[in-house]
């Protein structure tokens, strides 16, 4: 195990070393062009079937702020900015429809965030928890304030440990968190089996204030709210080019926007605009849904409590239970997450690869919840998310004129942090970031990623050789 851990570190160091070859290999192996496929996930298809995107931008316009991206980050930024600066002209440009990217295709888990590697110290760990807890409070407050019809629940999520040693170590982690005022608790193996039907776990950490959110439903329900607050929303409007300057020019297929400030809310698609190409790379995640299940179905599975769970393995498996009775499951197999050579942002897999990914997810689900074996899969979809090498989120402002704001690299942990990002970027735009100073995602550095072909080779080697290791909080 220690040898494998060192191999993982060696591969990470090799990735950083080969990153210096960008100037050469970036020309030899250019990236794929921007590709954005339609969102056919359960969250959109079953919950917002009548949604129709706004017309695209035609012609030229002038704005105070232009936001690129209509997911959690873009919509959250538009919401908070338009409330704080009602006199500013704010324009949001979305390539397809609101919630078309990772926001509307994820597993639905709304979680607190703690550093993915080692603790940053008691005070900072406590502060990070409080920031993300307040972020979930804000989501719920917005739903209540505007009477939004959105599927959202906060009755707890679990991290399940599939190894007895790690389950024992989780006791110490719970004690540490409780010493910070975090209300997590340990759930033993018997309770896992009785209340979740989980048969392959030795214990779990329960976060009682985590939950589940339908992202597509949330951002689409906010569209009329944003428009009432003065935000102009143009869907079906991809941005092809960003020309920086004191006034930034955005080029779209049928028009252009000139803005004093621009927000990059594009996560896994960011590299296609020429930004963070060596920091964020897109991966394609497979997710499936079963249901809607009857009360008898849930009883047969044994899932009686809690909104969701994830396991403790690098090829992370995760699942949520919606209020409407669907079981959503993702990950749990090497084939359930893919990287497409050239930073591809749309899934181009054939039927065989899709079937392999689906079979891998079903095997893991059936091993964890044997009572689900006879339940049919009613939906299977893919989505693009943005990863950084250290799994660290990047938020800040850049450019010669300090007028290009960004929040990218959420690394599959973005439902809460993307919504927090809207408040962070609004405060940065206002010139007052005191609330966020010292947090690890603000103006953080990143470990550079290599260009092709080293990126593709490194991903394959890392996921095939190291990808089965358990995630550890060191």
Protein backbone atom coordinates (compact mmCIF):
# COMPACT_ATOMS: atom_id res chain seq x y z
CA UNK A 1 0.00 0.00 0.00
CA UNK A 2 2.80 2.43 0.83
CA UNK A 3 4.50 1.60 -2.47
CA UNK A 4 1.29 2.38 -4.35
CA UNK A 5 0.97 5.67 -2.49
CA UNK A 6 4.48 6.63 -3.49
CA UNK A 7 3.69 5.68 -7.07
CA UNK A 8 0.72 8.05 -6.99
CA UNK A 9 2.94 10.86 -5.76
CA UNK A 10 5.52 10.06 -8.43
CA UNK A 11 2.87 10.27 -11.14
CA UNK A 12 1.71 13.62 -9.78
CA UNK A 13 5.28 14.94 -9.81
CA UNK A 14 5.73 13.65 -13.37
CA UNK A 15 2.59 15.51 -14.45
CA UNK A 16 3.96 18.75 -13.02
CA UNK A 17 7.34 18.18 -14.67
CA UNK A 18 5.88 17.57 -18.14
CA UNK A 19 3.69 20.67 -17.80
CA UNK A 20 6.69 22.76 -18.90
CA UNK A 21 6.30 21.32 -22.41
CA UNK A 22 3.04 23.21 -23.10
CA UNK A 23 4.64 25.61 -25.59
CA UNK A 24 5.73 22.73 -27.83
CA UNK A 25 3.13 20.03 -27.41
CA UNK A 26 0.24 22.49 -27.28
CA UNK A 27 0.89 23.10 -30.98
CA UNK A 28 1.58 19.50 -31.95
CA UNK A 29 -1.52 18.07 -30.26
CA UNK A 30 -4.14 20.86 -30.23
CA UNK A 31 -7.27 20.51 -28.14
CA UNK A 32 -10.62 19.42 -29.48
CA UNK A 33 -13.00 22.31 -30.21
CA UNK A 34 -15.78 23.13 -27.76
CA UNK A 35 -18.47 20.42 -27.74
CA UNK A 36 -21.61 20.73 -25.62
CA UNK A 37 -24.17 17.96 -25.72
CA UNK A 38 -27.77 18.21 -24.51
CA UNK A 39 -28.65 17.44 -20.92
CA UNK A 40 -30.79 14.30 -20.87
CA UNK A 41 -30.27 13.56 -17.17
CA UNK A 42 -33.14 12.65 -14.89
CA UNK A 43 -32.84 16.04 -13.14
CA UNK A 44 -33.82 17.84 -16.35
CA UNK A 45 -35.91 15.29 -18.25
CA UNK A 46 -38.19 14.20 -15.40
CA UNK A 47 -38.41 17.44 -13.42
CA UNK A 48 -38.34 20.22 -16.03
CA UNK A 49 -39.75 18.57 -19.20
CA UNK A 50 -41.50 21.77 -20.34
CA UNK A 51 -38.48 24.05 -19.95
CA UNK A 52 -37.67 26.07 -23.05
CA UNK A 53 -34.39 27.99 -23.33
CA UNK A 54 -34.40 31.73 -23.93
CA UNK A 55 -33.54 32.96 -27.45
CA UNK A 56 -29.86 33.46 -28.31
CA UNK A 57 -28.10 36.81 -28.36
CA UNK A 58 -28.35 38.58 -31.69
CA UNK A 59 -26.42 41.77 -32.27
CA UNK A 60 -24.15 43.76 -29.99
CA UNK A 61 -24.78 45.04 -26.50
CA UNK A 62 -22.92 46.81 -23.71
CA UNK A 63 -22.96 45.54 -20.11
CA UNK A 64 -21.46 46.27 -16.74
CA UNK A 65 -20.97 42.56 -16.03
CA UNK A 66 -21.15 39.60 -18.41
CA UNK A 67 -21.34 36.09 -16.94
CA UNK A 68 -20.31 33.12 -19.08
CA UNK A 69 -22.11 29.95 -17.97
CA UNK A 70 -25.60 29.18 -16.74
CA UNK A 71 -24.90 26.59 -14.07
CA UNK A 72 -24.75 26.98 -10.30
CA UNK A 73 -21.79 29.38 -10.39
CA UNK A 74 -23.17 31.67 -13.09
CA UNK A 75 -26.73 31.75 -11.77
CA UNK A 76 -25.59 32.25 -8.17
CA UNK A 77 -23.32 35.12 -9.22
CA UNK A 78 -26.11 36.72 -11.26
CA UNK A 79 -28.51 36.39 -8.33
CA UNK A 80 -26.27 37.98 -5.71
CA UNK A 81 -24.81 40.65 -8.00
CA UNK A 82 -28.20 41.81 -9.24
CA UNK A 83 -29.52 42.11 -5.70
CA UNK A 84 -26.47 44.02 -4.51
CA UNK A 85 -26.10 46.20 -7.62
CA UNK A 86 -29.62 46.64 -9.03
CA UNK A 87 -28.50 49.57 -11.18
CA UNK A 88 -25.88 47.55 -13.10
CA UNK A 89 -26.58 45.89 -16.43
CA UNK A 90 -25.82 42.21 -15.90
CA UNK A 91 -25.89 39.77 -18.81
CA UNK A 92 -25.71 35.97 -18.54
CA UNK A 93 -24.67 33.91 -21.58
CA UNK A 94 -25.33 30.15 -21.59
CA UNK A 95 -24.18 27.92 -24.45
CA UNK A 96 -27.23 25.62 -24.36
CA UNK A 97 -29.77 25.97 -21.53
CA UNK A 98 -29.54 26.76 -17.84
CA UNK A 99 -28.31 23.73 -15.90
CA UNK A 100 -27.03 22.01 -19.03
CA UNK A 101 -23.58 21.16 -17.62
CA UNK A 102 -22.47 19.49 -14.40
CA UNK A 103 -25.09 21.46 -12.44
CA UNK A 104 -27.89 19.47 -14.07
CA UNK A 105 -26.12 16.12 -14.45
CA UNK A 106 -24.51 15.33 -11.10
CA UNK A 107 -25.47 12.90 -8.36
CA UNK A 108 -27.36 15.55 -6.42
CA UNK A 109 -25.33 15.40 -3.18
CA UNK A 110 -25.22 18.72 -1.32
CA UNK A 111 -22.25 18.43 1.03
CA UNK A 112 -19.98 20.34 3.33
CA UNK A 113 -16.41 20.67 2.15
CA UNK A 114 -13.27 19.83 4.04
CA UNK A 115 -9.76 19.79 2.56
CA UNK A 116 -9.35 16.67 0.40
CA UNK A 117 -5.91 15.93 1.77
CA UNK A 118 -4.69 16.93 5.21
CA UNK A 119 -6.32 19.10 7.84
CA UNK A 120 -5.55 22.81 7.58
CA UNK A 121 -5.79 23.24 11.33
CA UNK A 122 -8.76 23.47 13.70
CA UNK A 123 -9.66 27.11 13.11
CA UNK A 124 -9.57 26.91 9.33
CA UNK A 125 -11.33 23.52 9.23
CA UNK A 126 -14.10 24.95 11.40
CA UNK A 127 -14.37 28.05 9.23
CA UNK A 128 -14.59 26.02 6.01
CA UNK A 129 -17.39 23.94 7.49
CA UNK A 130 -19.26 27.06 8.58
CA UNK A 131 -18.92 28.68 5.15
CA UNK A 132 -20.30 25.64 3.34
CA UNK A 133 -23.04 25.16 5.95
CA UNK A 134 -24.12 28.75 5.45
CA UNK A 135 -24.00 28.11 1.70
CA UNK A 136 -26.60 25.36 2.06
CA UNK A 137 -28.65 27.61 4.36
CA UNK A 138 -28.59 30.26 1.63
CA UNK A 139 -29.83 27.81 -1.01
CA UNK A 140 -32.76 26.86 1.21
CA UNK A 141 -33.46 30.52 2.04
CA UNK A 142 -33.60 31.40 -1.67
CA UNK A 143 -36.00 28.50 -2.32
CA UNK A 144 -38.27 29.73 0.50
CA UNK A 145 -37.98 33.44 -0.37
CA UNK A 146 -39.07 32.95 -3.96
CA UNK A 147 -41.35 29.95 -3.38
CA UNK A 148 -39.42 27.83 -5.84
CA UNK A 149 -40.67 24.36 -6.73
CA UNK A 150 -37.37 22.55 -6.20
CA UNK A 151 -36.55 19.08 -4.88
CA UNK A 152 -34.24 19.67 -1.92
CA UNK A 153 -33.69 17.82 1.35
CA UNK A 154 -31.21 18.05 4.23
CA UNK A 155 -31.58 14.97 6.37
CA UNK A 156 -27.97 13.82 6.25
CA UNK A 157 -25.41 12.08 4.06
CA UNK A 158 -22.89 9.39 4.93
CA UNK A 159 -19.31 8.55 4.05
CA UNK A 160 -19.20 4.75 4.28
CA UNK A 161 -15.92 2.95 5.05
CA UNK A 162 -15.37 -0.33 3.26
CA UNK A 163 -12.33 -1.37 5.30
CA UNK A 164 -12.37 -2.13 9.07
CA UNK A 165 -9.14 -0.21 9.74
CA UNK A 166 -10.45 2.94 8.07
CA UNK A 167 -13.76 2.56 9.88
CA UNK A 168 -11.89 2.47 13.18
CA UNK A 169 -9.88 5.55 12.19
CA UNK A 170 -13.15 7.33 11.39
CA UNK A 171 -13.95 7.34 15.13
CA UNK A 172 -11.00 9.65 15.70
CA UNK A 173 -12.03 11.87 12.80
CA UNK A 174 -15.53 12.23 14.26
CA UNK A 175 -14.12 13.18 17.64
CA UNK A 176 -11.92 15.80 15.99
CA UNK A 177 -14.85 17.27 14.07
CA UNK A 178 -17.07 17.33 17.13
CA UNK A 179 -14.34 19.21 19.01
CA UNK A 180 -14.75 21.93 16.34
CA UNK A 181 -18.49 22.12 16.91
CA UNK A 182 -19.28 20.07 13.78
CA UNK A 183 -22.26 17.80 14.59
CA UNK A 184 -21.03 14.71 12.69
CA UNK A 185 -21.37 11.30 14.32
CA UNK A 186 -20.23 7.74 13.74
CA UNK A 187 -22.71 5.15 12.46
CA UNK A 188 -21.83 1.53 13.18
CA UNK A 189 -22.02 -1.41 10.79
CA UNK A 190 -25.25 -2.78 12.21
CA UNK A 191 -27.04 0.56 11.84
CA UNK A 192 -25.80 0.86 8.26
CA UNK A 193 -27.31 -2.49 7.41
CA UNK A 194 -30.56 -1.80 9.27
CA UNK A 195 -31.24 1.76 8.08
CA UNK A 196 -29.55 1.87 4.65
CA UNK A 197 -29.41 -1.78 3.60
CA UNK A 198 -25.66 -1.31 3.05
CA UNK A 199 -23.90 -4.69 3.21
CA UNK A 200 -20.26 -3.87 2.43
CA UNK A 201 -19.51 -1.23 5.05
CA UNK A 202 -17.79 -1.36 8.44
CA UNK A 203 -19.07 1.99 9.63
CA UNK A 204 -19.73 5.52 8.39
CA UNK A 205 -19.46 9.18 9.27
CA UNK A 206 -22.86 10.84 9.18
CA UNK A 207 -23.06 14.53 8.29
CA UNK A 208 -26.57 15.29 9.54
CA UNK A 209 -26.77 18.72 7.85
CA UNK A 210 -25.87 17.56 4.33
CA UNK A 211 -28.49 16.67 1.76
CA UNK A 212 -29.63 16.53 -1.86
CA UNK A 213 -30.53 19.18 -4.45
CA UNK A 214 -31.89 18.99 -8.00
CA UNK A 215 -29.55 21.43 -9.72
CA UNK A 216 -31.33 21.72 -13.09
CA UNK A 217 -34.64 22.37 -11.37
CA UNK A 218 -33.06 24.97 -9.06
CA UNK A 219 -31.28 27.13 -11.64
CA UNK A 220 -34.18 26.92 -14.09
CA UNK A 221 -36.66 27.93 -11.40
CA UNK A 222 -34.45 30.96 -10.72
CA UNK A 223 -34.59 32.23 -14.32
CA UNK A 224 -37.75 34.36 -13.84
CA UNK A 225 -36.39 35.59 -10.51
CA UNK A 226 -33.16 36.76 -12.16
CA UNK A 227 -35.07 38.42 -14.98
CA UNK A 228 -37.28 40.24 -12.48
CA UNK A 229 -34.05 41.47 -10.86
CA UNK A 230 -32.94 42.89 -14.20
CA UNK A 231 -30.56 40.15 -15.39
CA UNK A 232 -30.62 39.58 -19.15
CA UNK A 233 -30.34 35.86 -19.92
CA UNK A 234 -29.36 34.61 -23.36
CA UNK A 235 -29.37 30.85 -23.81
CA UNK A 236 -28.20 28.92 -26.88
CA UNK A 237 -25.32 31.43 -26.91
CA UNK A 238 -21.84 29.89 -26.64
CA UNK A 239 -18.93 32.29 -26.22
CA UNK A 240 -16.20 31.56 -28.75
CA UNK A 241 -13.63 34.18 -27.85
CA UNK A 242 -12.70 36.53 -25.02
CA UNK A 243 -10.74 39.66 -25.97
CA UNK A 244 -9.33 41.16 -22.80
CA UNK A 245 -8.87 44.86 -22.16
CA UNK A 246 -10.25 47.65 -20.02
CA UNK A 247 -13.48 46.74 -21.77
CA UNK A 248 -13.70 42.98 -22.43
CA UNK A 249 -15.23 41.78 -25.69
CA UNK A 250 -17.05 38.45 -25.89
CA UNK A 251 -17.71 36.97 -29.31
CA UNK A 252 -20.77 34.75 -29.84
CA UNK A 253 -22.15 33.12 -33.02
CA UNK A 254 -24.60 35.94 -33.77
CA UNK A 255 -23.39 38.84 -31.69
CA UNK A 256 -20.98 40.25 -29.16
CA UNK A 257 -20.96 41.70 -25.67
CA UNK A 258 -18.68 44.45 -24.42
CA UNK A 259 -18.47 44.47 -20.64
CA UNK A 260 -16.52 46.22 -17.92
CA UNK A 261 -16.17 42.90 -16.08
CA UNK A 262 -16.57 39.26 -17.05
CA UNK A 263 -17.18 36.16 -14.90
CA UNK A 264 -15.85 32.77 -16.01
CA UNK A 265 -18.43 30.32 -14.62
CA UNK A 266 -17.51 27.54 -17.03
CA UNK A 267 -15.76 24.90 -14.87
CA UNK A 268 -14.90 21.91 -17.11
CA UNK A 269 -15.37 23.97 -20.29
CA UNK A 270 -13.01 26.78 -19.20
CA UNK A 271 -9.99 25.63 -21.20
CA UNK A 272 -11.92 26.12 -24.45
CA UNK A 273 -11.83 29.86 -23.80
CA UNK A 274 -8.06 29.75 -23.35
CA UNK A 275 -8.05 30.00 -19.56
CA UNK A 276 -6.71 27.54 -16.96
CA UNK A 277 -5.79 25.02 -19.65
CA UNK A 278 -2.98 23.76 -17.41
CA UNK A 279 -5.12 23.84 -14.26
CA UNK A 280 -8.51 22.31 -15.06
CA UNK A 281 -9.26 19.33 -17.27
CA UNK A 282 -12.67 17.87 -18.10
CA UNK A 283 -13.72 14.33 -17.32
CA UNK A 284 -16.93 12.60 -18.31
CA UNK A 285 -18.90 11.01 -15.46
CA UNK A 286 -21.62 8.37 -15.91
CA UNK A 287 -24.69 8.43 -13.65
CA UNK A 288 -27.85 6.32 -13.57
CA UNK A 289 -31.26 6.48 -11.92
CA UNK A 290 -33.69 3.81 -10.74
CA UNK A 291 -37.37 4.38 -9.99
CA UNK A 292 -39.49 6.01 -9.03
CA UNK A 293 -39.59 3.37 -6.30
CA UNK A 294 -42.62 2.52 -4.19
CA UNK A 295 -42.46 2.44 -0.38
CA UNK A 296 -42.36 -1.34 -0.71
CA UNK A 297 -39.36 -1.10 -3.04
CA UNK A 298 -37.45 1.06 -0.56
CA UNK A 299 -38.32 -1.34 2.23
CA UNK A 300 -36.99 -4.26 0.18
CA UNK A 301 -33.76 -2.36 -0.46
CA UNK A 302 -33.53 -1.43 3.23
CA UNK A 303 -32.94 2.29 2.60
CA UNK A 304 -35.02 3.84 5.36
CA UNK A 305 -33.09 7.01 6.32
CA UNK A 306 -30.81 9.72 4.98
CA UNK A 307 -30.51 11.57 1.68
CA UNK A 308 -27.40 9.87 0.34
CA UNK A 309 -24.01 8.25 0.80
CA UNK A 310 -20.61 7.88 -0.81
CA UNK A 311 -17.91 5.31 -0.23
CA UNK A 312 -14.26 5.82 0.74
CA UNK A 313 -12.60 4.62 -2.47
CA UNK A 314 -10.81 6.69 -5.09
CA UNK A 315 -13.17 5.38 -7.75
CA UNK A 316 -15.82 6.94 -5.58
CA UNK A 317 -19.37 5.59 -5.63
CA UNK A 318 -22.21 7.86 -4.53
CA UNK A 319 -25.97 7.68 -4.36
CA UNK A 320 -28.92 9.84 -3.36
CA UNK A 321 -32.60 9.26 -2.69
CA UNK A 322 -34.86 12.00 -4.00
CA UNK A 323 -38.05 13.11 -2.32
CA UNK A 324 -39.96 11.82 -5.35
CA UNK A 325 -38.62 8.28 -4.95
CA UNK A 326 -35.76 8.03 -7.44
CA UNK A 327 -32.46 6.40 -6.53
CA UNK A 328 -29.55 8.11 -8.28
CA UNK A 329 -26.17 6.34 -8.43
CA UNK A 330 -22.82 7.21 -9.97
CA UNK A 331 -19.20 6.08 -9.97
CA UNK A 332 -17.93 2.89 -8.41
CA UNK A 333 -16.14 1.68 -11.54
CA UNK A 334 -13.13 2.69 -13.63
CA UNK A 335 -15.43 2.79 -16.64
CA UNK A 336 -17.87 5.20 -14.96
CA UNK A 337 -15.45 8.14 -15.39
CA UNK A 338 -13.64 8.81 -18.68
CA UNK A 339 -11.21 11.33 -20.08
CA UNK A 340 -11.36 12.10 -23.81
CA UNK A 341 -8.07 12.83 -25.57
CA UNK A 342 -7.70 16.52 -26.33
CA UNK A 343 -9.81 17.78 -23.41
CA UNK A 344 -13.06 16.55 -24.92
CA UNK A 345 -16.15 18.06 -23.30
CA UNK A 346 -18.91 15.84 -24.73
CA UNK A 347 -19.31 12.08 -24.49
CA UNK A 348 -18.71 10.29 -27.77
CA UNK A 349 -18.79 6.74 -26.47
CA UNK A 350 -20.39 3.93 -28.40
CA UNK A 351 -23.06 1.57 -27.11
CA UNK A 352 -20.47 -0.94 -25.93
CA UNK A 353 -18.65 1.60 -23.74
CA UNK A 354 -21.91 2.93 -22.33
CA UNK A 355 -23.05 -0.60 -21.51
CA UNK A 356 -19.71 -1.32 -19.82
CA UNK A 357 -20.02 1.81 -17.66
CA UNK A 358 -23.60 0.96 -16.74
CA UNK A 359 -22.70 -2.63 -15.89
CA UNK A 360 -19.86 -1.47 -13.64
CA UNK A 361 -22.14 0.90 -11.75
CA UNK A 362 -24.79 -1.77 -11.31
CA UNK A 363 -22.25 -4.27 -9.95
CA UNK A 364 -21.10 -1.80 -7.31
CA UNK A 365 -24.66 -0.80 -6.39
CA UNK A 366 -25.74 -4.43 -6.05
CA UNK A 367 -22.72 -5.21 -3.89
CA UNK A 368 -23.53 -2.32 -1.58
CA UNK A 369 -27.33 -2.62 -1.64
CA UNK A 370 -28.20 -6.24 -2.59
CA UNK A 371 -31.90 -5.42 -2.31
CA UNK A 372 -31.61 -3.21 -5.40
CA UNK A 373 -30.66 -6.09 -7.71
CA UNK A 374 -34.05 -6.46 -9.39
CA UNK A 375 -34.82 -2.76 -9.74
CA UNK A 376 -34.78 -1.37 -13.31
CA UNK A 377 -32.56 1.47 -14.47
CA UNK A 378 -34.80 4.16 -15.99
CA UNK A 379 -32.16 6.73 -16.92
CA UNK A 380 -28.43 6.73 -17.75
CA UNK A 381 -26.55 9.91 -18.61
CA UNK A 382 -23.13 11.51 -18.74
CA UNK A 383 -21.84 14.92 -17.69
CA UNK A 384 -18.64 16.95 -17.88
CA UNK A 385 -16.96 18.08 -14.67
CA UNK A 386 -13.72 19.99 -14.14
CA UNK A 387 -10.85 18.51 -12.12
CA UNK A 388 -7.64 20.04 -10.82
CA UNK A 389 -4.58 17.94 -10.05
CA UNK A 390 -4.86 18.56 -6.29
CA UNK A 391 -8.68 18.63 -6.36
CA UNK A 392 -8.54 22.24 -5.15
CA UNK A 393 -11.11 24.86 -6.17
CA UNK A 394 -9.89 28.12 -7.74
CA UNK A 395 -11.69 31.44 -7.21
CA UNK A 396 -10.42 34.96 -7.76
CA UNK A 397 -9.85 37.75 -10.26
CA UNK A 398 -7.18 38.04 -12.96
CA UNK A 399 -6.13 40.04 -16.02
CA UNK A 400 -4.19 43.24 -16.58
CA UNK A 401 -7.19 45.31 -15.56
CA UNK A 402 -8.33 42.95 -12.80
CA UNK A 403 -11.74 42.62 -14.39
CA UNK A 404 -11.89 38.89 -15.21
CA UNK A 405 -13.45 36.94 -12.33
CA UNK A 406 -13.40 33.16 -12.10
CA UNK A 407 -14.57 30.18 -10.04
CA UNK A 408 -13.49 26.86 -11.57
CA UNK A 409 -12.12 23.40 -10.77
CA UNK A 410 -14.80 22.15 -8.39
CA UNK A 411 -13.60 18.57 -8.91
CA UNK A 412 -16.92 16.84 -8.40
CA UNK A 413 -17.64 18.55 -5.09
CA UNK A 414 -19.39 21.62 -6.38
CA UNK A 415 -23.09 21.64 -5.49
CA UNK A 416 -22.46 23.69 -2.36
CA UNK A 417 -19.23 25.50 -3.29
CA UNK A 418 -20.50 26.68 -6.68
CA UNK A 419 -23.36 28.44 -4.93
CA UNK A 420 -20.96 29.92 -2.38
CA UNK A 421 -18.90 31.11 -5.36
CA UNK A 422 -21.66 33.52 -6.36
CA UNK A 423 -21.29 35.33 -3.05
CA UNK A 424 -17.48 35.24 -3.22
CA UNK A 425 -17.35 36.74 -6.72
CA UNK A 426 -19.93 39.38 -5.84
CA UNK A 427 -17.81 40.48 -2.89
CA UNK A 428 -14.66 40.49 -5.03
CA UNK A 429 -16.46 42.64 -7.60
CA UNK A 430 -17.53 44.99 -4.81
CA UNK A 431 -13.93 45.25 -3.63
CA UNK A 432 -14.54 43.68 -0.24
CA UNK A 433 -13.29 40.12 0.20
CA UNK A 434 -12.77 40.22 3.98
CA UNK A 435 -15.35 37.45 4.53
CA UNK A 436 -13.29 35.05 2.45
CA UNK A 437 -9.68 35.94 3.17
CA UNK A 438 -7.56 33.02 4.25
CA UNK A 439 -9.89 30.36 2.84
CA UNK A 440 -8.04 27.79 0.71
CA UNK A 441 -10.04 28.34 -2.47
CA UNK A 442 -9.51 32.12 -2.73
CA UNK A 443 -6.55 33.06 -4.96
CA UNK A 444 -5.13 29.58 -4.46
CA UNK A 445 -2.30 28.30 -6.62
CA UNK A 446 -2.53 25.06 -8.55
CA UNK A 447 -0.35 22.19 -9.67
CA UNK A 448 0.05 22.46 -13.46
CA UNK A 449 -1.23 19.70 -15.69
CA UNK A 450 0.71 18.45 -18.72
CA UNK A 451 -0.42 18.93 -22.33
CA UNK A 452 -1.31 16.07 -24.65
CA UNK A 453 -0.24 13.35 -25.11
CA UNK A 454 1.15 13.29 -21.56
CA UNK A 455 -2.22 14.29 -20.10
CA UNK A 456 -4.07 11.35 -21.64
CA UNK A 457 -1.26 8.89 -20.84
CA UNK A 458 -0.99 10.17 -17.27
CA UNK A 459 -4.72 9.90 -16.72
CA UNK A 460 -4.80 6.33 -18.01
CA UNK A 461 -1.81 5.30 -15.93
CA UNK A 462 -3.01 7.00 -12.79
CA UNK A 463 -6.56 5.67 -12.92
CA UNK A 464 -5.57 2.14 -13.91
CA UNK A 465 -2.70 1.76 -11.42
CA UNK A 466 -3.58 4.09 -8.55
CA UNK A 467 -7.29 4.67 -8.99
CA UNK A 468 -8.39 1.88 -6.70
CA UNK A 469 -6.69 3.26 -3.59
CA UNK A 470 -8.89 4.51 -0.74
CA UNK A 471 -9.12 8.25 -0.22
CA UNK A 472 -7.54 9.30 3.04
CA UNK A 473 -7.70 12.41 5.18
CA UNK A 474 -4.06 12.56 6.20
